Amino acid sequence: MDIIETPTFTRQIIEIMSDDEYSELQRVLIKKPDSGKIIRGSGGIRKLRWASKGHGKRGGARILYFWFVTPRKLLMLFAFPKNVQADLNHKQLKILKQLVQEEYT
């Protein structure tokens, strides 16, 4: 499976987790790409709760991605720690949905 990162995601994930933690996240998503719950009204964007070191799932990171079933690709869109932002607002979700539709499909 190919994993594609948006530039924004790359900047965010570097701040949130170590290389080893990110490698583990990738392994999990490759094995089970439907792990994240689909966000209603997003056009298929998924949100995965990921336990950060010392925080657990509830206080950990939120990973937003889009899974292309065929061809097998994961598009890593956005990442944020829950203590910074609990969820996406409507405007952010709209931008991500548009990005997937216009740039990657």
PDB file of N, CA and C in Angstrom:
ATOM      1  N   MET A   1       0.845  -1.177   0.000  1.00  0.00           N
ATOM      2  CA  MET A   1       0.000   0.000   0.000  1.00  0.00           C
ATOM      3  C   MET A   1       0.889   1.238   0.000  1.00  0.00           C
ATOM      4  N   ASP A   2       0.517   2.209  -0.814  1.00  0.00           N
ATOM      5  CA  ASP A   2       1.238   3.482  -0.846  1.00  0.00           C
ATOM      6  C   ASP A   2       0.650   4.423   0.199  1.00  0.00           C
ATOM      7  N   ILE A   3       1.528   5.153   0.865  1.00  0.00           N
ATOM      8  CA  ILE A   3       1.101   6.170   1.828  1.00  0.00           C
ATOM      9  C   ILE A   3       1.597   7.514   1.325  1.00  0.00           C
ATOM     10  N   ILE A   4       0.666   8.419   1.108  1.00  0.00           N
ATOM     11  CA  ILE A   4       0.971   9.755   0.608  1.00  0.00           C
ATOM     12  C   ILE A   4       0.661  10.747   1.722  1.00  0.00           C
ATOM     13  N   GLU A   5       1.559  11.682   1.948  1.00  0.00           N
ATOM     14  CA  GLU A   5       1.352  12.703   2.979  1.00  0.00           C
ATOM     15  C   GLU A   5       1.186  14.071   2.331  1.00  0.00           C
ATOM     16  N   THR A   6       0.219  14.823   2.813  1.00  0.00           N
ATOM     17  CA  THR A   6       0.153  16.222   2.408  1.00  0.00           C
ATOM     18  C   THR A   6       1.277  16.956   3.144  1.00  0.00           C
ATOM     19  N   PRO A   7       1.769  18.064   2.589  1.00  0.00           N
ATOM     20  CA  PRO A   7       2.815  18.826   3.288  1.00  0.00           C
ATOM     21  C   PRO A   7       2.387  19.250   4.698  1.00  0.00           C
ATOM     22  N   THR A   8       1.128  19.602   4.861  1.00  0.00           N
ATOM     23  CA  THR A   8       0.623  19.994   6.179  1.00  0.00           C
ATOM     24  C   THR A   8       0.723  18.832   7.154  1.00  0.00           C
ATOM     25  N   PHE A   9       0.309  17.654   6.715  1.00  0.00           N
ATOM     26  CA  PHE A   9       0.379  16.476   7.578  1.00  0.00           C
ATOM     27  C   PHE A   9       1.819  16.209   8.007  1.00  0.00           C
ATOM     28  N   THR A  10       2.740  16.283   7.072  1.00  0.00           N
ATOM     29  CA  THR A  10       4.149  16.013   7.387  1.00  0.00           C
ATOM     30  C   THR A  10       4.643  16.950   8.480  1.00  0.00           C
ATOM     31  N   ARG A  11       4.328  18.243   8.358  1.00  0.00           N
ATOM     32  CA  ARG A  11       4.744  19.210   9.382  1.00  0.00           C
ATOM     33  C   ARG A  11       4.115  18.882  10.735  1.00  0.00           C
ATOM     34  N   GLN A  12       2.857  18.524  10.716  1.00  0.00           N
ATOM     35  CA  GLN A  12       2.144  18.263  11.963  1.00  0.00           C
ATOM     36  C   GLN A  12       2.629  16.990  12.649  1.00  0.00           C
ATOM     37  N   ILE A  13       2.821  15.932  11.894  1.00  0.00           N
ATOM     38  CA  ILE A  13       3.159  14.641  12.499  1.00  0.00           C
ATOM     39  C   ILE A  13       4.539  14.672  13.138  1.00  0.00           C
ATOM     40  N   ILE A  14       5.449  15.451  12.573  1.00  0.00           N
ATOM     41  CA  ILE A  14       6.794  15.592  13.148  1.00  0.00           C
ATOM     42  C   ILE A  14       6.707  16.177  14.558  1.00  0.00           C
ATOM     43  N   GLU A  15       5.756  17.080  14.770  1.00  0.00           N
ATOM     44  CA  GLU A  15       5.581  17.716  16.077  1.00  0.00           C
ATOM     45  C   GLU A  15       4.868  16.809  17.079  1.00  0.00           C
ATOM     46  N   ILE A  16       4.076  15.884  16.581  1.00  0.00           N
ATOM     47  CA  ILE A  16       3.202  15.089  17.441  1.00  0.00           C
ATOM     48  C   ILE A  16       3.834  13.794  17.931  1.00  0.00           C
ATOM     49  N   MET A  17       4.597  13.125  17.054  1.00  0.00           N
ATOM     50  CA  MET A  17       5.112  11.810  17.447  1.00  0.00           C
ATOM     51  C   MET A  17       6.489  11.529  16.876  1.00  0.00           C
ATOM     52  N   SER A  18       7.145  10.566  17.481  1.00  0.00           N
ATOM     53  CA  SER A  18       8.483  10.159  17.042  1.00  0.00           C
ATOM     54  C   SER A  18       8.379   9.334  15.756  1.00  0.00           C
ATOM     55  N   ASP A  19       9.514   9.125  15.104  1.00  0.00           N
ATOM     56  CA  ASP A  19       9.548   8.297  13.898  1.00  0.00           C
ATOM     57  C   ASP A  19       9.049   6.885  14.190  1.00  0.00           C
ATOM     58  N   ASP A  20       9.443   6.335  15.331  1.00  0.00           N
ATOM     59  CA  ASP A  20       9.010   4.982  15.699  1.00  0.00           C
ATOM     60  C   ASP A  20       7.496   4.915  15.899  1.00  0.00           C
ATOM     61  N   GLU A  21       6.944   5.932  16.548  1.00  0.00           N
ATOM     62  CA  GLU A  21       5.492   5.965  16.753  1.00  0.00           C
ATOM     63  C   GLU A  21       4.760   6.077  15.420  1.00  0.00           C
ATOM     64  N   TYR A  22       5.288   6.907  14.529  1.00  0.00           N
ATOM     65  CA  TYR A  22       4.651   7.069  13.219  1.00  0.00           C
ATOM     66  C   TYR A  22       4.767   5.787  12.401  1.00  0.00           C
ATOM     67  N   SER A  23       5.894   5.098  12.500  1.00  0.00           N
ATOM     68  CA  SER A  23       6.048   3.815  11.802  1.00  0.00           C
ATOM     69  C   SER A  23       5.006   2.810  12.287  1.00  0.00           C
ATOM     70  N   GLU A  24       4.758   2.800  13.591  1.00  0.00           N
ATOM     71  CA  GLU A  24       3.740   1.902  14.146  1.00  0.00           C
ATOM     72  C   GLU A  24       2.353   2.274  13.629  1.00  0.00           C
ATOM     73  N   LEU A  25       2.046   3.559  13.573  1.00  0.00           N
ATOM     74  CA  LEU A  25       0.774   4.016  13.021  1.00  0.00           C
ATOM     75  C   LEU A  25       0.625   3.540  11.577  1.00  0.00           C
ATOM     76  N   GLN A  26       1.670   3.690  10.783  1.00  0.00           N
ATOM     77  CA  GLN A  26       1.620   3.247   9.391  1.00  0.00           C
ATOM     78  C   GLN A  26       1.371   1.741   9.300  1.00  0.00           C
ATOM     79  N   ARG A  27       2.056   0.962  10.132  1.00  0.00           N
ATOM     80  CA  ARG A  27       1.859  -0.498  10.120  1.00  0.00           C
ATOM     81  C   ARG A  27       0.402  -0.855  10.430  1.00  0.00           C
ATOM     82  N   VAL A  28      -0.168  -0.181  11.412  1.00  0.00           N
ATOM     83  CA  VAL A  28      -1.560  -0.444  11.782  1.00  0.00           C
ATOM     84  C   VAL A  28      -2.491  -0.107  10.624  1.00  0.00           C
ATOM     85  N   LEU A  29      -2.288   1.038   9.997  1.00  0.00           N
ATOM     86  CA  LEU A  29      -3.172   1.452   8.905  1.00  0.00           C
ATOM     87  C   LEU A  29      -3.006   0.583   7.665  1.00  0.00           C
ATOM     88  N   ILE A  30      -1.812   0.097   7.415  1.00  0.00           N
ATOM     89  CA  ILE A  30      -1.611  -0.803   6.275  1.00  0.00           C
ATOM     90  C   ILE A  30      -2.371  -2.112   6.503  1.00  0.00           C
ATOM     91  N   LYS A  31      -2.316  -2.623   7.721  1.00  0.00           N
ATOM     92  CA  LYS A  31      -3.024  -3.870   8.043  1.00  0.00           C
ATOM     93  C   LYS A  31      -4.541  -3.679   8.065  1.00  0.00           C
ATOM     94  N   LYS A  32      -4.967  -2.534   8.576  1.00  0.00           N
ATOM     95  CA  LYS A  32      -6.404  -2.293   8.749  1.00  0.00           C
ATOM     96  C   LYS A  32      -6.742  -0.841   8.382  1.00  0.00           C
ATOM     97  N   PRO A  33      -6.790  -0.555   7.074  1.00  0.00           N
ATOM     98  CA  PRO A  33      -7.005   0.830   6.644  1.00  0.00           C
ATOM     99  C   PRO A  33      -8.365   1.411   7.018  1.00  0.00           C
ATOM    100  N   ASP A  34      -9.299   0.557   7.403  1.00  0.00           N
ATOM    101  CA  ASP A  34     -10.606   1.065   7.813  1.00  0.00           C
ATOM    102  C   ASP A  34     -10.692   1.285   9.325  1.00  0.00           C
ATOM    103  N   SER A  35      -9.542   1.382   9.987  1.00  0.00           N
ATOM    104  CA  SER A  35      -9.494   1.580  11.445  1.00  0.00           C
ATOM    105  C   SER A  35     -10.188   2.862  11.888  1.00  0.00           C
ATOM    106  N   GLY A  36      -9.992   3.926  11.152  1.00  0.00           N
ATOM    107  CA  GLY A  36     -10.598   5.200  11.521  1.00  0.00           C
ATOM    108  C   GLY A  36     -12.072   5.246  11.168  1.00  0.00           C
ATOM    109  N   LYS A  37     -12.820   6.015  11.937  1.00  0.00           N
ATOM    110  CA  LYS A  37     -14.246   6.184  11.662  1.00  0.00           C
ATOM    111  C   LYS A  37     -14.431   7.248  10.589  1.00  0.00           C
ATOM    112  N   ILE A  38     -15.345   6.989   9.659  1.00  0.00           N
ATOM    113  CA  ILE A  38     -15.648   7.972   8.618  1.00  0.00           C
ATOM    114  C   ILE A  38     -16.375   9.153   9.260  1.00  0.00           C
ATOM    115  N   ILE A  39     -15.898  10.351   8.941  1.00  0.00           N
ATOM    116  CA  ILE A  39     -16.514  11.578   9.452  1.00  0.00           C
ATOM    117  C   ILE A  39     -17.726  11.899   8.580  1.00  0.00           C
ATOM    118  N   ARG A  40     -18.866  12.035   9.193  1.00  0.00           N
ATOM    119  CA  ARG A  40     -20.088  12.328   8.453  1.00  0.00           C
ATOM    120  C   ARG A  40     -19.939  13.612   7.634  1.00  0.00           C
ATOM    121  N   GLY A  41     -20.349  13.546   6.366  1.00  0.00           N
ATOM    122  CA  GLY A  41     -20.315  14.705   5.493  1.00  0.00           C
ATOM    123  C   GLY A  41     -18.949  15.028   4.924  1.00  0.00           C
ATOM    124  N   SER A  42     -17.989  14.122   5.105  1.00  0.00           N
ATOM    125  CA  SER A  42     -16.614  14.406   4.680  1.00  0.00           C
ATOM    126  C   SER A  42     -16.256  13.811   3.328  1.00  0.00           C
ATOM    127  N   GLY A  43     -17.144  13.013   2.759  1.00  0.00           N
ATOM    128  CA  GLY A  43     -16.805  12.361   1.503  1.00  0.00           C
ATOM    129  C   GLY A  43     -15.888  11.158   1.690  1.00  0.00           C
ATOM    130  N   GLY A  44     -15.811  10.638   2.902  1.00  0.00           N
ATOM    131  CA  GLY A  44     -15.012   9.439   3.153  1.00  0.00           C
ATOM    132  C   GLY A  44     -13.759   9.645   3.974  1.00  0.00           C
ATOM    133  N   ILE A  45     -13.506  10.862   4.424  1.00  0.00           N
ATOM    134  CA  ILE A  45     -12.334  11.116   5.276  1.00  0.00           C
ATOM    135  C   ILE A  45     -12.551  10.411   6.612  1.00  0.00           C
ATOM    136  N   ARG A  46     -11.488   9.775   7.079  1.00  0.00           N
ATOM    137  CA  ARG A  46     -11.552   9.016   8.329  1.00  0.00           C
ATOM    138  C   ARG A  46     -10.752   9.710   9.425  1.00  0.00           C
ATOM    139  N   LYS A  47     -11.219   9.528  10.671  1.00  0.00           N
ATOM    140  CA  LYS A  47     -10.504  10.058  11.837  1.00  0.00           C
ATOM    141  C   LYS A  47     -10.135   8.890  12.737  1.00  0.00           C
ATOM    142  N   LEU A  48      -8.853   8.816  13.057  1.00  0.00           N
ATOM    143  CA  LEU A  48      -8.351   7.770  13.929  1.00  0.00           C
ATOM    144  C   LEU A  48      -7.810   8.398  15.201  1.00  0.00           C
ATOM    145  N   ARG A  49      -8.237   7.873  16.327  1.00  0.00           N
ATOM    146  CA  ARG A  49      -7.653   8.284  17.609  1.00  0.00           C
ATOM    147  C   ARG A  49      -6.400   7.457  17.813  1.00  0.00           C
ATOM    148  N   TRP A  50      -5.309   8.116  18.109  1.00  0.00           N
ATOM    149  CA  TRP A  50      -4.038   7.417  18.288  1.00  0.00           C
ATOM    150  C   TRP A  50      -3.433   7.802  19.626  1.00  0.00           C
ATOM    151  N   ALA A  51      -3.106   6.809  20.416  1.00  0.00           N
ATOM    152  CA  ALA A  51      -2.527   7.054  21.736  1.00  0.00           C
ATOM    153  C   ALA A  51      -1.127   7.632  21.596  1.00  0.00           C
ATOM    154  N   SER A  52      -0.906   8.777  22.203  1.00  0.00           N
ATOM    155  CA  SER A  52       0.421   9.384  22.226  1.00  0.00           C
ATOM    156  C   SER A  52       1.117   8.969  23.506  1.00  0.00           C
ATOM    157  N   LYS A  53       2.412   8.932  23.456  1.00  0.00           N
ATOM    158  CA  LYS A  53       3.200   8.537  24.621  1.00  0.00           C
ATOM    159  C   LYS A  53       2.765   9.329  25.853  1.00  0.00           C
ATOM    160  N   GLY A  54       2.330   8.610  26.883  1.00  0.00           N
ATOM    161  CA  GLY A  54       1.966   9.256  28.137  1.00  0.00           C
ATOM    162  C   GLY A  54       0.581   9.875  28.174  1.00  0.00           C
ATOM    163  N   HIS A  55      -0.188   9.764  27.074  1.00  0.00           N
ATOM    164  CA  HIS A  55      -1.502  10.408  27.042  1.00  0.00           C
ATOM    165  C   HIS A  55      -2.653   9.433  26.833  1.00  0.00           C
ATOM    166  N   GLY A  56      -2.409   8.274  26.262  1.00  0.00           N
ATOM    167  CA  GLY A  56      -3.488   7.351  25.932  1.00  0.00           C
ATOM    168  C   GLY A  56      -4.294   7.862  24.753  1.00  0.00           C
ATOM    169  N   LYS A  57      -5.338   7.108  24.365  1.00  0.00           N
ATOM    170  CA  LYS A  57      -6.134   7.491  23.194  1.00  0.00           C
ATOM    171  C   LYS A  57      -6.912   8.784  23.406  1.00  0.00           C
ATOM    172  N   ARG A  58      -7.483   8.953  24.585  1.00  0.00           N
ATOM    173  CA  ARG A  58      -8.318  10.139  24.825  1.00  0.00           C
ATOM    174  C   ARG A  58      -7.530  11.434  24.770  1.00  0.00           C
ATOM    175  N   GLY A  59      -6.315  11.417  25.241  1.00  0.00           N
ATOM    176  CA  GLY A  59      -5.508  12.632  25.237  1.00  0.00           C
ATOM    177  C   GLY A  59      -4.475  12.640  24.135  1.00  0.00           C
ATOM    178  N   GLY A  60      -4.538  11.653  23.268  1.00  0.00           N
ATOM    179  CA  GLY A  60      -3.529  11.499  22.232  1.00  0.00           C
ATOM    180  C   GLY A  60      -3.801  12.326  20.991  1.00  0.00           C
ATOM    181  N   ALA A  61      -3.363  11.796  19.870  1.00  0.00           N
ATOM    182  CA  ALA A  61      -3.449  12.497  18.595  1.00  0.00           C
ATOM    183  C   ALA A  61      -4.684  12.067  17.815  1.00  0.00           C
ATOM    184  N   ARG A  62      -5.093  12.930  16.920  1.00  0.00           N
ATOM    185  CA  ARG A  62      -6.153  12.628  15.969  1.00  0.00           C
ATOM    186  C   ARG A  62      -5.511  12.656  14.587  1.00  0.00           C
ATOM    187  N   ILE A  63      -5.723  11.596  13.837  1.00  0.00           N
ATOM    188  CA  ILE A  63      -5.133  11.449  12.513  1.00  0.00           C
ATOM    189  C   ILE A  63      -6.269  11.403  11.502  1.00  0.00           C
ATOM    190  N   LEU A  64      -6.224  12.291  10.519  1.00  0.00           N
ATOM    191  CA  LEU A  64      -7.239  12.319   9.470  1.00  0.00           C
ATOM    192  C   LEU A  64      -6.616  11.821   8.179  1.00  0.00           C
ATOM    193  N   TYR A  65      -7.306  10.883   7.544  1.00  0.00           N
ATOM    194  CA  TYR A  65      -6.770  10.301   6.318  1.00  0.00           C
ATOM    195  C   TYR A  65      -7.907   9.861   5.412  1.00  0.00           C
ATOM    196  N   PHE A  66      -7.559   9.607   4.155  1.00  0.00           N
ATOM    197  CA  PHE A  66      -8.520   9.106   3.178  1.00  0.00           C
ATOM    198  C   PHE A  66      -7.968   7.814   2.621  1.00  0.00           C
ATOM    199  N   TRP A  67      -8.778   6.773   2.605  1.00  0.00           N
ATOM    200  CA  TRP A  67      -8.359   5.464   2.106  1.00  0.00           C
ATOM    201  C   TRP A  67      -8.939   5.242   0.720  1.00  0.00           C
ATOM    202  N   PHE A  68      -8.053   5.131  -0.262  1.00  0.00           N
ATOM    203  CA  PHE A  68      -8.449   4.767  -1.619  1.00  0.00           C
ATOM    204  C   PHE A  68      -8.384   3.244  -1.692  1.00  0.00           C
ATOM    205  N   VAL A  69      -9.525   2.593  -1.830  1.00  0.00           N
ATOM    206  CA  VAL A  69      -9.556   1.137  -1.853  1.00  0.00           C
ATOM    207  C   VAL A  69      -8.831   0.617  -3.090  1.00  0.00           C
ATOM    208  N   THR A  70      -9.101   1.195  -4.254  1.00  0.00           N
ATOM    209  CA  THR A  70      -8.428   0.827  -5.496  1.00  0.00           C
ATOM    210  C   THR A  70      -7.995   2.104  -6.187  1.00  0.00           C
ATOM    211  N   PRO A  71      -6.723   2.314  -6.450  1.00  0.00           N
ATOM    212  CA  PRO A  71      -5.596   1.495  -6.012  1.00  0.00           C
ATOM    213  C   PRO A  71      -5.404   1.664  -4.505  1.00  0.00           C
ATOM    214  N   ARG A  72      -4.751   0.721  -3.899  1.00  0.00           N
ATOM    215  CA  ARG A  72      -4.571   0.740  -2.437  1.00  0.00           C
ATOM    216  C   ARG A  72      -3.629   1.880  -2.046  1.00  0.00           C
ATOM    217  N   LYS A  73      -4.226   2.973  -1.578  1.00  0.00           N
ATOM    218  CA  LYS A  73      -3.451   4.148  -1.150  1.00  0.00           C
ATOM    219  C   LYS A  73      -4.079   4.728   0.103  1.00  0.00           C
ATOM    220  N   LEU A  74      -3.225   5.284   0.940  1.00  0.00           N
ATOM    221  CA  LEU A  74      -3.679   6.070   2.084  1.00  0.00           C
ATOM    222  C   LEU A  74      -3.175   7.487   1.887  1.00  0.00           C
ATOM    223  N   LEU A  75      -4.055   8.439   1.975  1.00  0.00           N
ATOM    224  CA  LEU A  75      -3.692   9.846   1.885  1.00  0.00           C
ATOM    225  C   LEU A  75      -3.775  10.432   3.287  1.00  0.00           C
ATOM    226  N   MET A  76      -2.621  10.740   3.851  1.00  0.00           N
ATOM    227  CA  MET A  76      -2.551  11.297   5.199  1.00  0.00           C
ATOM    228  C   MET A  76      -2.777  12.806   5.087  1.00  0.00           C
ATOM    229  N   LEU A  77      -3.849  13.300   5.685  1.00  0.00           N
ATOM    230  CA  LEU A  77      -4.287  14.674   5.479  1.00  0.00           C
ATOM    231  C   LEU A  77      -3.918  15.645   6.592  1.00  0.00           C
ATOM    232  N   PHE A  78      -4.172  15.266   7.824  1.00  0.00           N
ATOM    233  CA  PHE A  78      -4.120  16.245   8.912  1.00  0.00           C
ATOM    234  C   PHE A  78      -3.907  15.495  10.219  1.00  0.00           C
ATOM    235  N   ALA A  79      -3.162  16.080  11.134  1.00  0.00           N
ATOM    236  CA  ALA A  79      -2.928  15.461  12.441  1.00  0.00           C
ATOM    237  C   ALA A  79      -2.880  16.554  13.495  1.00  0.00           C
ATOM    238  N   PHE A  80      -3.450  16.259  14.656  1.00  0.00           N
ATOM    239  CA  PHE A  80      -3.407  17.239  15.730  1.00  0.00           C
ATOM    240  C   PHE A  80      -3.553  16.542  17.073  1.00  0.00           C
ATOM    241  N   PRO A  81      -2.892  17.093  18.092  1.00  0.00           N
ATOM    242  CA  PRO A  81      -3.100  16.549  19.435  1.00  0.00           C
ATOM    243  C   PRO A  81      -4.444  17.038  19.979  1.00  0.00           C
ATOM    244  N   LYS A  82      -5.129  16.188  20.696  1.00  0.00           N
ATOM    245  CA  LYS A  82      -6.450  16.548  21.212  1.00  0.00           C
ATOM    246  C   LYS A  82      -6.396  17.737  22.159  1.00  0.00           C
ATOM    247  N   ASN A  83      -5.284  17.899  22.872  1.00  0.00           N
ATOM    248  CA  ASN A  83      -5.217  19.022  23.814  1.00  0.00           C
ATOM    249  C   ASN A  83      -5.108  20.368  23.101  1.00  0.00           C
ATOM    250  N   VAL A  84      -4.825  20.360  21.809  1.00  0.00           N
ATOM    251  CA  VAL A  84      -4.768  21.595  21.020  1.00  0.00           C
ATOM    252  C   VAL A  84      -6.119  21.878  20.373  1.00  0.00           C
ATOM    253  N   GLN A  85      -6.759  20.812  19.887  1.00  0.00           N
ATOM    254  CA  GLN A  85      -8.032  20.958  19.193  1.00  0.00           C
ATOM    255  C   GLN A  85      -8.804  19.649  19.363  1.00  0.00           C
ATOM    256  N   ALA A  86     -10.029  19.709  19.832  1.00  0.00           N
ATOM    257  CA  ALA A  86     -10.801  18.490  20.075  1.00  0.00           C
ATOM    258  C   ALA A  86     -11.297  17.855  18.784  1.00  0.00           C
ATOM    259  N   ASP A  87     -11.644  18.682  17.816  1.00  0.00           N
ATOM    260  CA  ASP A  87     -12.183  18.171  16.564  1.00  0.00           C
ATOM    261  C   ASP A  87     -12.012  19.222  15.478  1.00  0.00           C
ATOM    262  N   LEU A  88     -12.250  18.821  14.239  1.00  0.00           N
ATOM    263  CA  LEU A  88     -12.202  19.773  13.134  1.00  0.00           C
ATOM    264  C   LEU A  88     -13.439  20.651  13.160  1.00  0.00           C
ATOM    265  N   ASN A  89     -13.270  21.889  12.744  1.00  0.00           N
ATOM    266  CA  ASN A  89     -14.456  22.713  12.564  1.00  0.00           C
ATOM    267  C   ASN A  89     -14.972  22.504  11.134  1.00  0.00           C
ATOM    268  N   HIS A  90     -16.138  23.032  10.840  1.00  0.00           N
ATOM    269  CA  HIS A  90     -16.781  22.828   9.538  1.00  0.00           C
ATOM    270  C   HIS A  90     -15.904  23.327   8.385  1.00  0.00           C
ATOM    271  N   LYS A  91     -15.279  24.474   8.570  1.00  0.00           N
ATOM    272  CA  LYS A  91     -14.444  25.054   7.515  1.00  0.00           C
ATOM    273  C   LYS A  91     -13.239  24.154   7.210  1.00  0.00           C
ATOM    274  N   GLN A  92     -12.585  23.645   8.244  1.00  0.00           N
ATOM    275  CA  GLN A  92     -11.432  22.760   8.042  1.00  0.00           C
ATOM    276  C   GLN A  92     -11.843  21.488   7.307  1.00  0.00           C
ATOM    277  N   LEU A  93     -12.961  20.912   7.704  1.00  0.00           N
ATOM    278  CA  LEU A  93     -13.444  19.693   7.065  1.00  0.00           C
ATOM    279  C   LEU A  93     -13.768  19.936   5.597  1.00  0.00           C
ATOM    280  N   LYS A  94     -14.379  21.062   5.311  1.00  0.00           N
ATOM    281  CA  LYS A  94     -14.725  21.416   3.930  1.00  0.00           C
ATOM    282  C   LYS A  94     -13.459  21.539   3.077  1.00  0.00           C
ATOM    283  N   ILE A  95     -12.423  22.156   3.614  1.00  0.00           N
ATOM    284  CA  ILE A  95     -11.155  22.318   2.891  1.00  0.00           C
ATOM    285  C   ILE A  95     -10.524  20.957   2.610  1.00  0.00           C
ATOM    286  N   LEU A  96     -10.507  20.070   3.600  1.00  0.00           N
ATOM    287  CA  LEU A  96      -9.917  18.743   3.401  1.00  0.00           C
ATOM    288  C   LEU A  96     -10.702  17.930   2.378  1.00  0.00           C
ATOM    289  N   LYS A  97     -12.016  17.996   2.440  1.00  0.00           N
ATOM    290  CA  LYS A  97     -12.861  17.281   1.483  1.00  0.00           C
ATOM    291  C   LYS A  97     -12.588  17.778   0.066  1.00  0.00           C
ATOM    292  N   GLN A  98     -12.497  19.079  -0.094  1.00  0.00           N
ATOM    293  CA  GLN A  98     -12.219  19.679  -1.395  1.00  0.00           C
ATOM    294  C   GLN A  98     -10.831  19.274  -1.888  1.00  0.00           C
ATOM    295  N   LEU A  99      -9.853  19.244  -1.002  1.00  0.00           N
ATOM    296  CA  LEU A  99      -8.495  18.833  -1.355  1.00  0.00           C
ATOM    297  C   LEU A  99      -8.482  17.412  -1.909  1.00  0.00           C
ATOM    298  N   VAL A 100      -9.151  16.507  -1.239  1.00  0.00           N
ATOM    299  CA  VAL A 100      -9.211  15.115  -1.698  1.00  0.00           C
ATOM    300  C   VAL A 100      -9.862  15.045  -3.072  1.00  0.00           C
ATOM    301  N   GLN A 101     -10.979  15.724  -3.247  1.00  0.00           N
ATOM    302  CA  GLN A 101     -11.720  15.668  -4.504  1.00  0.00           C
ATOM    303  C   GLN A 101     -10.955  16.287  -5.666  1.00  0.00           C
ATOM    304  N   GLU A 102     -10.320  17.426  -5.442  1.00  0.00           N
ATOM    305  CA  GLU A 102      -9.687  18.157  -6.538  1.00  0.00           C
ATOM    306  C   GLU A 102      -8.261  17.721  -6.838  1.00  0.00           C
ATOM    307  N   GLU A 103      -7.524  17.320  -5.827  1.00  0.00           N
ATOM    308  CA  GLU A 103      -6.104  17.045  -6.023  1.00  0.00           C
ATOM    309  C   GLU A 103      -5.758  15.563  -6.119  1.00  0.00           C
ATOM    310  N   TYR A 104      -6.579  14.702  -5.546  1.00  0.00           N
ATOM    311  CA  TYR A 104      -6.172  13.301  -5.427  1.00  0.00           C
ATOM    312  C   TYR A 104      -7.137  12.296  -6.039  1.00  0.00           C
ATOM    313  N   THR A 105      -8.267  12.746  -6.601  1.00  0.00           N
ATOM    314  CA  THR A 105      -9.178  11.780  -7.234  1.00  0.00           C
ATOM    315  C   THR A 105      -9.348  12.088  -8.697  1.00  0.00           C
TER     316      THR A 105
END
